Amino acid sequence: MSGRTRAGVCPERTCVGCRERAVKSELLRIVVIEDACVPDPRGTLPGRGAYVHPVPVCLDQAVRRRAFPRALRVPGPLDVKALRHYVEQAQGCRSAADTSAGQATR
């Protein structure tokens, strides 16, 4: 026996923004398509991927630290407009769902 157990094993990845390890399903995969960072929520796009928590704080930290070009191994700056729009939209949907859930329990 190798000492490894199969129970409760989930793949972990590191967020390039906050550098914290998290379960892969909690993070958003990012890939490069034509010098732009593109969200890959299903994790099926080809190419090297980087992972970030889908919150604006981690995204801002990753951009400020220039983590995307380094993690994705591409030269020069990358456009993050599509990624920022996706994260803000996901954050808006999440907060709307939290608000409606809070109203439903009242």
Protein backbone atom coordinates (compact mmCIF):
# COMPACT_ATOMS: atom_id res chain seq x y z
CA MET A 1 0.00 0.00 0.00
CA SER A 2 1.20 3.48 -0.79
CA GLY A 3 -0.58 5.07 2.16
CA ARG A 4 -2.85 7.13 -0.07
CA THR A 5 -6.59 7.02 0.33
CA ARG A 6 -9.14 7.71 -2.35
CA ALA A 7 -11.79 9.14 -0.02
CA GLY A 8 -12.16 12.92 -0.20
CA VAL A 9 -9.45 13.52 -2.78
CA CYS A 10 -10.09 16.63 -4.86
CA PRO A 11 -7.65 18.33 -7.21
CA GLU A 12 -6.24 21.56 -5.78
CA ARG A 13 -4.88 24.58 -7.63
CA THR A 14 -3.28 27.85 -6.53
CA CYS A 15 -4.97 31.19 -7.21
CA VAL A 16 -2.52 33.45 -9.06
CA GLY A 17 -4.05 36.47 -7.33
CA CYS A 18 -3.98 35.67 -3.62
CA ARG A 19 -1.65 32.62 -3.90
CA GLU A 20 -3.97 30.49 -1.73
CA ARG A 21 -4.61 26.86 -2.56
CA ALA A 22 -8.22 25.91 -3.18
CA VAL A 23 -10.26 23.09 -4.65
CA LYS A 24 -10.19 23.29 -8.43
CA SER A 25 -13.98 23.66 -8.63
CA GLU A 26 -13.84 26.90 -6.57
CA LEU A 27 -11.44 28.57 -9.00
CA LEU A 28 -11.89 29.99 -12.50
CA ARG A 29 -9.51 28.73 -15.19
CA ILE A 30 -7.97 31.38 -17.45
CA VAL A 31 -6.41 30.77 -20.88
CA VAL A 32 -4.82 33.06 -23.47
CA ILE A 33 -6.46 33.56 -26.84
CA GLU A 34 -4.84 36.15 -29.12
CA ASP A 35 -3.13 38.20 -26.37
CA ALA A 36 -6.23 38.29 -24.17
CA CYS A 37 -7.07 36.47 -20.95
CA VAL A 38 -10.28 34.55 -21.51
CA PRO A 39 -12.33 32.81 -18.81
CA ASP A 40 -12.71 29.06 -19.23
CA PRO A 41 -15.43 28.08 -16.71
CA ARG A 42 -15.81 24.56 -18.13
CA GLY A 43 -12.04 23.98 -18.21
CA THR A 44 -12.06 22.62 -21.76
CA LEU A 45 -10.25 25.25 -23.83
CA PRO A 46 -6.85 24.20 -25.17
CA GLY A 47 -3.60 25.62 -23.91
CA ARG A 48 -1.89 26.41 -20.64
CA GLY A 49 -4.25 27.55 -17.91
CA ALA A 50 -3.98 29.65 -14.78
CA TYR A 51 -6.48 29.71 -11.94
CA VAL A 52 -7.98 32.61 -10.00
CA HIS A 53 -10.82 32.99 -7.51
CA PRO A 54 -13.78 34.48 -9.41
CA VAL A 55 -13.82 37.64 -7.29
CA PRO A 56 -12.60 41.14 -8.23
CA VAL A 57 -10.09 41.29 -5.35
CA CYS A 58 -8.07 38.30 -6.58
CA LEU A 59 -8.33 39.45 -10.19
CA ASP A 60 -6.99 42.91 -9.26
CA GLN A 61 -4.11 41.37 -7.30
CA ALA A 62 -3.19 39.12 -10.22
CA VAL A 63 -3.21 42.05 -12.66
CA ARG A 64 -1.22 44.28 -10.31
CA ARG A 65 1.41 41.56 -9.75
CA ARG A 66 1.52 40.73 -13.50
CA ALA A 67 0.78 37.13 -12.61
CA PHE A 68 -1.13 36.15 -15.76
CA PRO A 69 1.73 36.54 -18.28
CA ARG A 70 4.08 34.74 -15.91
CA ALA A 71 1.70 31.85 -15.13
CA LEU A 72 0.61 31.46 -18.75
CA ARG A 73 4.18 31.83 -20.04
CA VAL A 74 3.51 34.53 -22.60
CA PRO A 75 5.59 37.66 -23.22
CA GLY A 76 4.18 41.12 -22.65
CA PRO A 77 0.95 42.40 -21.12
CA LEU A 78 -2.41 40.70 -21.64
CA ASP A 79 -5.85 42.21 -22.12
CA VAL A 80 -8.12 41.33 -19.18
CA LYS A 81 -11.31 43.18 -20.22
CA ALA A 82 -13.28 40.02 -21.06
CA LEU A 83 -12.09 38.37 -17.86
CA ARG A 84 -12.98 41.40 -15.73
CA HIS A 85 -16.45 41.55 -17.32
CA TYR A 86 -17.01 37.85 -16.62
CA VAL A 87 -15.94 38.15 -12.98
CA GLU A 88 -18.08 41.25 -12.37
CA GLN A 89 -21.06 39.59 -14.01
CA ALA A 90 -20.59 36.42 -11.95
CA GLN A 91 -20.21 38.51 -8.79
CA GLY A 92 -23.44 40.39 -9.63
CA CYS A 93 -25.33 37.13 -10.18
CA ARG A 94 -24.00 35.73 -6.92
CA SER A 95 -25.01 38.79 -4.88
CA ALA A 96 -28.46 38.84 -6.51
CA ALA A 97 -28.94 35.18 -5.62
CA ASP A 98 -27.86 35.88 -2.04
CA THR A 99 -30.36 38.74 -1.81
CA SER A 100 -33.25 36.66 -3.18
CA ALA A 101 -32.34 33.76 -0.90
CA GLY A 102 -32.39 36.12 2.09
CA GLN A 103 -35.82 37.41 1.11
CA ALA A 104 -37.16 33.88 0.63
CA THR A 105 -36.25 32.92 4.21
CA ARG A 106 -38.16 35.82 5.70
